[in-house]
Protein backbone atom coordinates (compact mmCIF):
# COMPACT_ATOMS: atom_id res chain seq x y z
CA MET A 1 0.00 0.00 0.00
CA THR A 2 1.37 3.39 -0.91
CA SER A 3 1.75 6.05 1.77
CA VAL A 4 -1.00 8.08 0.03
CA ALA A 5 -3.44 5.15 0.10
CA ARG A 6 -2.49 4.44 3.74
CA ASP A 7 -3.12 8.11 4.66
CA GLU A 8 -6.49 8.09 2.87
CA PHE A 9 -7.50 4.90 4.70
CA THR A 10 -6.60 6.19 8.16
CA GLN A 11 -8.18 9.60 7.46
CA GLY A 12 -11.36 7.81 6.40
CA LEU A 13 -11.43 5.85 9.64
CA ARG A 14 -10.93 9.05 11.66
CA ARG A 15 -13.72 10.84 9.75
CA LEU A 16 -16.04 7.91 10.38
CA ALA A 17 -15.17 7.87 14.10
CA ASP A 18 -15.71 11.65 14.29
CA LEU A 19 -19.14 11.36 12.63
CA ILE A 20 -20.20 8.61 15.01
CA ASP A 21 -18.98 10.68 17.99
CA GLN A 22 -20.72 13.84 16.79
CA MET A 23 -24.00 12.21 15.80
CA PRO A 24 -25.36 9.83 18.42
CA GLU A 25 -28.27 9.10 16.07
CA ILE A 26 -25.93 7.00 13.91
CA PRO A 27 -26.25 3.41 15.17
CA VAL A 28 -23.16 1.36 15.92
CA PRO A 29 -22.83 -2.42 16.02
CA ALA A 30 -21.95 -4.35 19.15
CA HIS A 31 -18.96 -5.66 17.21
CA ALA A 32 -17.47 -4.78 13.82
CA ALA A 33 -14.66 -6.25 11.77
CA ILE A 34 -12.23 -5.15 9.11
CA TRP A 35 -10.73 -8.24 7.50
CA PHE A 36 -8.60 -8.27 4.39
CA ALA A 37 -6.06 -10.38 2.58
CA LEU A 38 -2.67 -8.94 1.75
CA PRO A 39 -1.63 -9.22 -1.88
CA GLY A 40 1.91 -9.86 -2.99
CA PHE A 41 4.58 -12.46 -3.27
CA ASP A 42 4.68 -14.93 -0.43
CA LEU A 43 8.13 -14.28 1.04
CA GLN A 44 7.76 -10.51 0.76
CA THR A 45 4.25 -10.50 2.22
CA PHE A 46 5.15 -12.82 5.09
CA ALA A 47 8.14 -10.55 5.82
CA GLU A 48 5.75 -7.56 5.97
CA MET A 49 3.59 -9.50 8.42
CA ASP A 50 6.68 -10.24 10.54
CA LEU A 51 7.43 -6.50 10.66
CA ALA A 52 3.85 -5.76 11.72
CA GLU A 53 4.04 -8.36 14.50
CA LYS A 54 7.36 -6.93 15.73
CA ALA A 55 5.92 -3.39 15.73
CA LEU A 56 2.83 -4.49 17.67
CA THR A 57 4.98 -6.36 20.18
CA ALA A 58 7.34 -3.39 20.61
CA GLY A 59 4.35 -1.08 21.04
CA GLY A 60 2.83 -3.33 23.71
CA VAL A 61 -0.29 -3.90 21.61
CA PRO A 62 -2.01 -7.22 22.30
CA PHE A 63 -2.73 -9.24 19.17
CA GLU A 64 -3.34 -12.75 17.93
CA ALA A 65 -1.29 -14.38 15.21
CA GLY A 66 -1.74 -17.78 13.69
CA GLY A 67 -1.63 -20.04 10.72
CA ALA A 68 1.10 -22.20 9.31
CA THR A 69 4.01 -19.88 8.59
CA SER A 70 4.77 -21.43 5.20
CA THR A 71 1.21 -21.59 3.83
CA SER A 72 -1.07 -19.06 5.47
CA ARG A 73 -0.93 -16.56 8.31
CA PHE A 74 -3.07 -13.97 10.02
CA VAL A 75 -2.61 -11.17 12.50
CA GLN A 76 -5.62 -9.91 14.45
CA ILE A 77 -6.03 -6.89 16.71
CA ASN A 78 -9.12 -6.48 18.87
CA ALA A 79 -9.77 -2.89 19.94
CA GLY A 80 -12.94 -1.66 21.60
CA GLY A 81 -15.41 -3.87 19.78
CA VAL A 82 -13.60 -3.70 16.46
CA THR A 83 -11.55 -6.56 15.05
CA TYR A 84 -8.82 -5.65 12.57
CA ARG A 85 -7.41 -8.71 10.84
CA PHE A 86 -5.07 -9.14 7.91
CA SER A 87 -3.92 -12.37 6.38
CA HIS A 88 -2.05 -13.93 3.50
CA VAL A 89 -2.38 -17.33 1.87
CA ALA A 90 0.66 -18.62 0.05
CA THR A 91 0.35 -19.28 -3.63
CA PRO A 92 0.90 -22.98 -4.24
CA PRO A 93 3.76 -23.78 -6.60
CA TRP A 94 2.59 -24.17 -10.18
CA ASP A 95 2.59 -27.75 -11.39
CA PRO A 96 2.20 -27.96 -15.17
CA THR A 97 1.22 -31.65 -14.92
CA GLN A 98 -1.88 -30.67 -12.93
CA ASP A 99 -3.03 -28.40 -15.78
CA ARG A 100 -2.40 -31.16 -18.30
CA GLN A 101 -4.25 -33.74 -16.20
CA ALA A 102 -7.24 -31.41 -15.82
CA SER A 103 -7.28 -30.80 -19.59
CA VAL A 104 -7.12 -34.52 -20.38
CA GLN A 105 -9.94 -35.26 -17.92
CA ALA A 106 -12.10 -32.53 -19.45
CA VAL A 107 -11.55 -33.83 -22.99
CA THR A 108 -12.16 -37.48 -22.12
CA ALA A 109 -15.24 -36.84 -19.97
């Protein structure tokens, strides 16, 4: 995510929080969630997740992390009724024989 996109995202969250604070007529849920998958290449994306975990730990922020480190991972922060979770699923290695087998099965079926 570019720094501009990151700034726009956090500004949007602040504007939303300000609106909710200023207008008690706007209903709020008992619990809300922001979940998203990180794009990117596996090693690079998992390294970014490592950096996020280190920053949260250094900042004393409680979080959950899980998943198999080589295939999929998530990091989750729970803050005041809002869950913020990001994850990444590794792209399986491409096996050209699988494509060929699927094509042969489709033709012979």
